[in-house]
C-alpha atoms as a PDB file:
ATOM      1  CA  MET A   1      24.633 -83.469 -64.049  1.00  0.00           C
ATOM      2  CA  LYS A   2      24.524 -79.915 -62.777  1.00  0.00           C
ATOM      3  CA  VAL A   3      27.496 -77.678 -63.527  1.00  0.00           C
ATOM      4  CA  ASP A   4      27.892 -74.404 -61.656  1.00  0.00           C
ATOM      5  CA  PHE A   5      30.290 -71.734 -62.897  1.00  0.00           C
ATOM      6  CA  TRP A   6      31.410 -69.391 -60.105  1.00  0.00           C
ATOM      7  CA  GLN A   7      33.247 -66.234 -61.159  1.00  0.00           C
ATOM      8  CA  LEU A   8      35.531 -65.133 -58.336  1.00  0.00           C
ATOM      9  CA  SER A   9      36.016 -61.428 -57.827  1.00  0.00           C
ATOM     10  CA  ALA A  10      35.904 -60.447 -54.147  1.00  0.00           C
ATOM     11  CA  SER A  11      36.372 -63.854 -52.515  1.00  0.00           C
ATOM     12  CA  SER A  12      39.334 -66.196 -52.640  1.00  0.00           C
ATOM     13  CA  VAL A  13      39.190 -69.774 -53.856  1.00  0.00           C
ATOM     14  CA  GLU A  14      39.585 -70.932 -50.255  1.00  0.00           C
ATOM     15  CA  GLN A  15      36.644 -68.811 -49.092  1.00  0.00           C
ATOM     16  CA  VAL A  16      34.375 -70.093 -51.855  1.00  0.00           C
ATOM     17  CA  VAL A  17      35.280 -73.741 -51.284  1.00  0.00           C
ATOM     18  CA  ALA A  18      34.582 -73.196 -47.568  1.00  0.00           C
ATOM     19  CA  LEU A  19      31.195 -71.740 -48.568  1.00  0.00           C
ATOM     20  CA  ILE A  20      30.256 -74.631 -50.858  1.00  0.00           C
ATOM     21  CA  ALA A  21      31.544 -77.501 -48.696  1.00  0.00           C
ATOM     22  CA  PRO A  22      29.095 -77.300 -45.763  1.00  0.00           C
ATOM     23  CA  ARG A  23      26.155 -77.090 -48.160  1.00  0.00           C
ATOM     24  CA  VAL A  24      27.295 -80.265 -49.894  1.00  0.00           C
ATOM     25  CA  LEU A  25      27.782 -82.062 -46.575  1.00  0.00           C
ATOM     26  CA  HIS A  26      24.363 -80.936 -45.288  1.00  0.00           C
ATOM     27  CA  GLU A  27      22.820 -82.582 -48.363  1.00  0.00           C
ATOM     28  CA  GLY A  28      24.377 -85.847 -47.188  1.00  0.00           C
ATOM     29  CA  SER A  29      26.873 -85.833 -50.046  1.00  0.00           C
ATOM     30  CA  ARG A  30      30.658 -85.999 -50.225  1.00  0.00           C
ATOM     31  CA  LEU A  31      32.949 -83.530 -51.957  1.00  0.00           C
ATOM     32  CA  LEU A  32      36.108 -83.801 -54.028  1.00  0.00           C
ATOM     33  CA  VAL A  33      38.139 -80.587 -54.407  1.00  0.00           C
ATOM     34  CA  VAL A  34      40.606 -80.576 -57.302  1.00  0.00           C
ATOM     35  CA  HIS A  35      43.552 -78.214 -57.612  1.00  0.00           C
ATOM     36  CA  GLU A  36      46.796 -78.904 -59.436  1.00  0.00           C
ATOM     37  CA  ASP A  37      49.015 -76.816 -57.141  1.00  0.00           C
ATOM     38  CA  GLU A  38      50.211 -78.586 -53.982  1.00  0.00           C
ATOM     39  CA  GLY A  39      50.532 -75.374 -51.971  1.00  0.00           C
ATOM     40  CA  ARG A  40      46.991 -74.367 -52.823  1.00  0.00           C
ATOM     41  CA  ARG A  41      45.730 -77.840 -51.855  1.00  0.00           C
ATOM     42  CA  ASP A  42      47.304 -77.313 -48.422  1.00  0.00           C
ATOM     43  CA  ALA A  43      45.749 -73.827 -48.183  1.00  0.00           C
ATOM     44  CA  LEU A  44      42.341 -75.252 -49.105  1.00  0.00           C
ATOM     45  CA  SER A  45      42.633 -77.876 -46.390  1.00  0.00           C
ATOM     46  CA  ASP A  46      43.630 -75.242 -43.817  1.00  0.00           C
ATOM     47  CA  ALA A  47      40.722 -73.014 -44.844  1.00  0.00           C
ATOM     48  CA  LEU A  48      38.243 -75.857 -44.440  1.00  0.00           C
ATOM     49  CA  TRP A  49      39.544 -76.634 -40.954  1.00  0.00           C
ATOM     50  CA  THR A  50      39.462 -73.012 -39.771  1.00  0.00           C
ATOM     51  CA  SER A  51      36.820 -71.061 -41.696  1.00  0.00           C
ATOM     52  CA  HIS A  52      33.741 -72.389 -39.883  1.00  0.00           C
ATOM     53  CA  PRO A  53      34.607 -72.938 -36.209  1.00  0.00           C
ATOM     54  CA  GLU A  54      30.965 -73.753 -35.484  1.00  0.00           C
ATOM     55  CA  GLU A  55      31.050 -76.588 -38.019  1.00  0.00           C
ATOM     56  CA  PHE A  56      33.460 -79.441 -38.408  1.00  0.00           C
ATOM     57  CA  LEU A  57      34.583 -79.585 -42.052  1.00  0.00           C
ATOM     58  CA  ALA A  58      36.745 -82.676 -41.829  1.00  0.00           C
ATOM     59  CA  ASN A  59      38.923 -83.128 -44.869  1.00  0.00           C
ATOM     60  CA  GLY A  60      42.008 -84.852 -46.108  1.00  0.00           C
ATOM     61  CA  ILE A  61      44.507 -84.597 -48.919  1.00  0.00           C
ATOM     62  CA  VAL A  62      45.191 -87.507 -51.254  1.00  0.00           C
ATOM     63  CA  GLY A  63      48.365 -89.234 -50.168  1.00  0.00           C
ATOM     64  CA  ALA A  64      47.898 -88.586 -46.457  1.00  0.00           C
ATOM     65  CA  GLY A  65      45.922 -91.799 -45.984  1.00  0.00           C
ATOM     66  CA  HIS A  66      42.309 -92.658 -45.178  1.00  0.00           C
ATOM     67  CA  GLU A  67      41.086 -91.139 -48.462  1.00  0.00           C
ATOM     68  CA  ALA A  68      37.974 -93.344 -48.584  1.00  0.00           C
ATOM     69  CA  SER A  69      36.737 -92.093 -45.204  1.00  0.00           C
ATOM     70  CA  GLN A  70      37.089 -88.353 -45.916  1.00  0.00           C
ATOM     71  CA  PRO A  71      33.822 -86.418 -46.414  1.00  0.00           C
ATOM     72  CA  ILE A  72      35.894 -83.775 -48.230  1.00  0.00           C
ATOM     73  CA  LEU A  73      38.916 -84.952 -50.176  1.00  0.00           C
ATOM     74  CA  ILE A  74      41.426 -82.614 -51.819  1.00  0.00           C
ATOM     75  CA  SER A  75      43.317 -83.943 -54.793  1.00  0.00           C
ATOM     76  CA  ARG A  76      45.268 -83.126 -57.908  1.00  0.00           C
ATOM     77  CA  GLU A  77      43.233 -85.643 -59.905  1.00  0.00           C
ATOM     78  CA  CYS A  78      39.517 -85.923 -60.570  1.00  0.00           C
ATOM     79  CA  GLU A  79      39.265 -89.339 -58.918  1.00  0.00           C
ATOM     80  CA  PRO A  80      36.631 -89.608 -56.158  1.00  0.00           C
ATOM     81  CA  LEU A  81      38.564 -91.918 -53.842  1.00  0.00           C
ATOM     82  CA  ASN A  82      36.106 -90.844 -51.129  1.00  0.00           C
ATOM     83  CA  SER A  83      33.028 -91.755 -53.257  1.00  0.00           C
ATOM     84  CA  ALA A  84      32.221 -88.060 -53.733  1.00  0.00           C
ATOM     85  CA  ASP A  85      29.270 -87.154 -55.907  1.00  0.00           C
ATOM     86  CA  HIS A  86      30.158 -83.431 -55.998  1.00  0.00           C
ATOM     87  CA  VAL A  87      33.400 -81.989 -57.354  1.00  0.00           C
ATOM     88  CA  VAL A  88      34.912 -78.506 -57.197  1.00  0.00           C
ATOM     89  CA  PHE A  89      37.513 -77.555 -59.787  1.00  0.00           C
ATOM     90  CA  ALA A  90      39.210 -74.944 -57.627  1.00  0.00           C
ATOM     91  CA  ASP A  91      41.999 -74.109 -60.068  1.00  0.00           C
ATOM     92  CA  GLY A  92      39.729 -72.932 -62.891  1.00  0.00           C
ATOM     93  CA  LYS A  93      40.560 -75.933 -65.085  1.00  0.00           C
ATOM     94  CA  TRP A  94      37.725 -78.121 -66.320  1.00  0.00           C
ATOM     95  CA  ARG A  95      38.186 -81.867 -66.365  1.00  0.00           C
ATOM     96  CA  ALA A  96      35.560 -84.253 -67.745  1.00  0.00           C
ATOM     97  CA  PRO A  97      33.984 -85.582 -64.541  1.00  0.00           C
ATOM     98  CA  THR A  98      32.162 -88.906 -64.608  1.00  0.00           C
ATOM     99  CA  GLY A  99      29.859 -90.235 -61.937  1.00  0.00           C
ATOM    100  CA  PHE A 100      29.231 -86.881 -60.268  1.00  0.00           C
ATOM    101  CA  ALA A 101      25.819 -85.328 -59.648  1.00  0.00           C
ATOM    102  CA  ARG A 102      27.223 -81.799 -59.551  1.00  0.00           C
ATOM    103  CA  ALA A 103      30.405 -79.995 -60.543  1.00  0.00           C
ATOM    104  CA  PHE A 104      31.577 -76.497 -59.634  1.00  0.00           C
ATOM    105  CA  LEU A 105      34.078 -74.607 -61.786  1.00  0.00           C
ATOM    106  CA  LEU A 106      35.666 -71.712 -59.901  1.00  0.00           C
ATOM    107  CA  PHE A 107      37.389 -69.189 -62.120  1.00  0.00           C
ATOM    108  CA  ASP A 108      38.826 -65.686 -61.967  1.00  0.00           C
ATOM    109  CA  ASP A 109      40.174 -63.108 -64.411  1.00  0.00           C
ATOM    110  CA  THR A 110      43.125 -65.316 -65.316  1.00  0.00           C
ATOM    111  CA  THR A 111      40.921 -68.265 -66.321  1.00  0.00           C
ATOM    112  CA  VAL A 112      37.814 -66.460 -67.589  1.00  0.00           C
ATOM    113  CA  GLU A 113      38.452 -67.189 -71.278  1.00  0.00           C
ATOM    114  CA  ALA A 114      38.801 -70.918 -70.632  1.00  0.00           C
ATOM    115  CA  ALA A 115      35.604 -70.818 -68.550  1.00  0.00           C
ATOM    116  CA  ARG A 116      33.735 -69.110 -71.397  1.00  0.00           C
ATOM    117  CA  GLY A 117      34.897 -71.792 -73.806  1.00  0.00           C
ATOM    118  CA  CYS A 118      33.847 -74.482 -71.364  1.00  0.00           C
ATOM    119  CA  TRP A 119      30.418 -72.853 -70.888  1.00  0.00           C
ATOM    120  CA  SER A 120      29.859 -72.909 -74.661  1.00  0.00           C
ATOM    121  CA  ALA A 121      31.092 -76.461 -75.116  1.00  0.00           C
ATOM    122  CA  LEU A 122      28.996 -77.828 -72.255  1.00  0.00           C
ATOM    123  CA  GLY A 123      25.902 -76.101 -73.650  1.00  0.00           C
ATOM    124  CA  LYS A 124      25.951 -78.663 -76.451  1.00  0.00           C
ATOM    125  CA  GLU A 125      25.886 -81.668 -74.108  1.00  0.00           C
ATOM    126  CA  ALA A 126      22.559 -83.373 -73.465  1.00  0.00           C
ATOM    127  CA  GLY A 127      21.443 -83.948 -69.900  1.00  0.00           C
ATOM    128  CA  LEU A 128      23.560 -81.165 -68.479  1.00  0.00           C
ATOM    129  CA  GLU A 129      22.190 -78.212 -66.500  1.00  0.00           C
ATOM    130  CA  ARG A 130      24.458 -75.136 -66.349  1.00  0.00           C
ATOM    131  CA  SER A 131      24.299 -72.222 -63.911  1.00  0.00           C
ATOM    132  CA  PHE A 132      26.455 -69.118 -63.649  1.00  0.00           C
ATOM    133  CA  TYR A 133      27.112 -67.252 -60.391  1.00  0.00           C
ATOM    134  CA  ARG A 134      28.843 -63.928 -59.833  1.00  0.00           C
ATOM    135  CA  GLN A 135      29.425 -61.795 -56.776  1.00  0.00           C
ATOM    136  CA  ASP A 136      27.266 -58.704 -56.627  1.00  0.00           C
ATOM    137  CA  GLY A 137      28.259 -56.412 -53.778  1.00  0.00           C
ATOM    138  CA  GLY A 138      29.759 -59.333 -51.876  1.00  0.00           C
ATOM    139  CA  LYS A 139      26.694 -61.576 -52.228  1.00  0.00           C
ATOM    140  CA  TRP A 140      26.499 -64.384 -54.731  1.00  0.00           C
ATOM    141  CA  ALA A 141      23.848 -64.016 -57.419  1.00  0.00           C
ATOM    142  CA  ARG A 142      22.767 -66.471 -60.075  1.00  0.00           C
ATOM    143  CA  ILE A 143      23.109 -64.760 -63.459  1.00  0.00           C
ATOM    144  CA  ALA A 144      22.194 -67.621 -65.800  1.00  0.00           C
END
């Protein structure tokens, strides 16, 4: 599995999820977005609907129905009810994902220490490829 660590500085969680989502969909994959806060889940859904008017980033929130048919599903739990093979942990909290090809951990200054600990712990796991991205002048750059 690939695990990407994205350190947020200039962009919001909603902006970064809206950046990642179309790339995942263009690969022919499905996406699960996990955030524990209900208000932020609603904001993520709104951002996906409105951030790319030229693209249709259809999404749904667990509990609203039709979870299995959603290309992008937003949830509190790391359960791919939509058969997603990519997951974004949008609240900076790592969960042990199983069955995913790729995971994204988005973190900011408030969750940086937990992300560092996660980076170290995952470095000991076999079969895992880690990458670290940071914004440099507004553009995303791979650091490690």
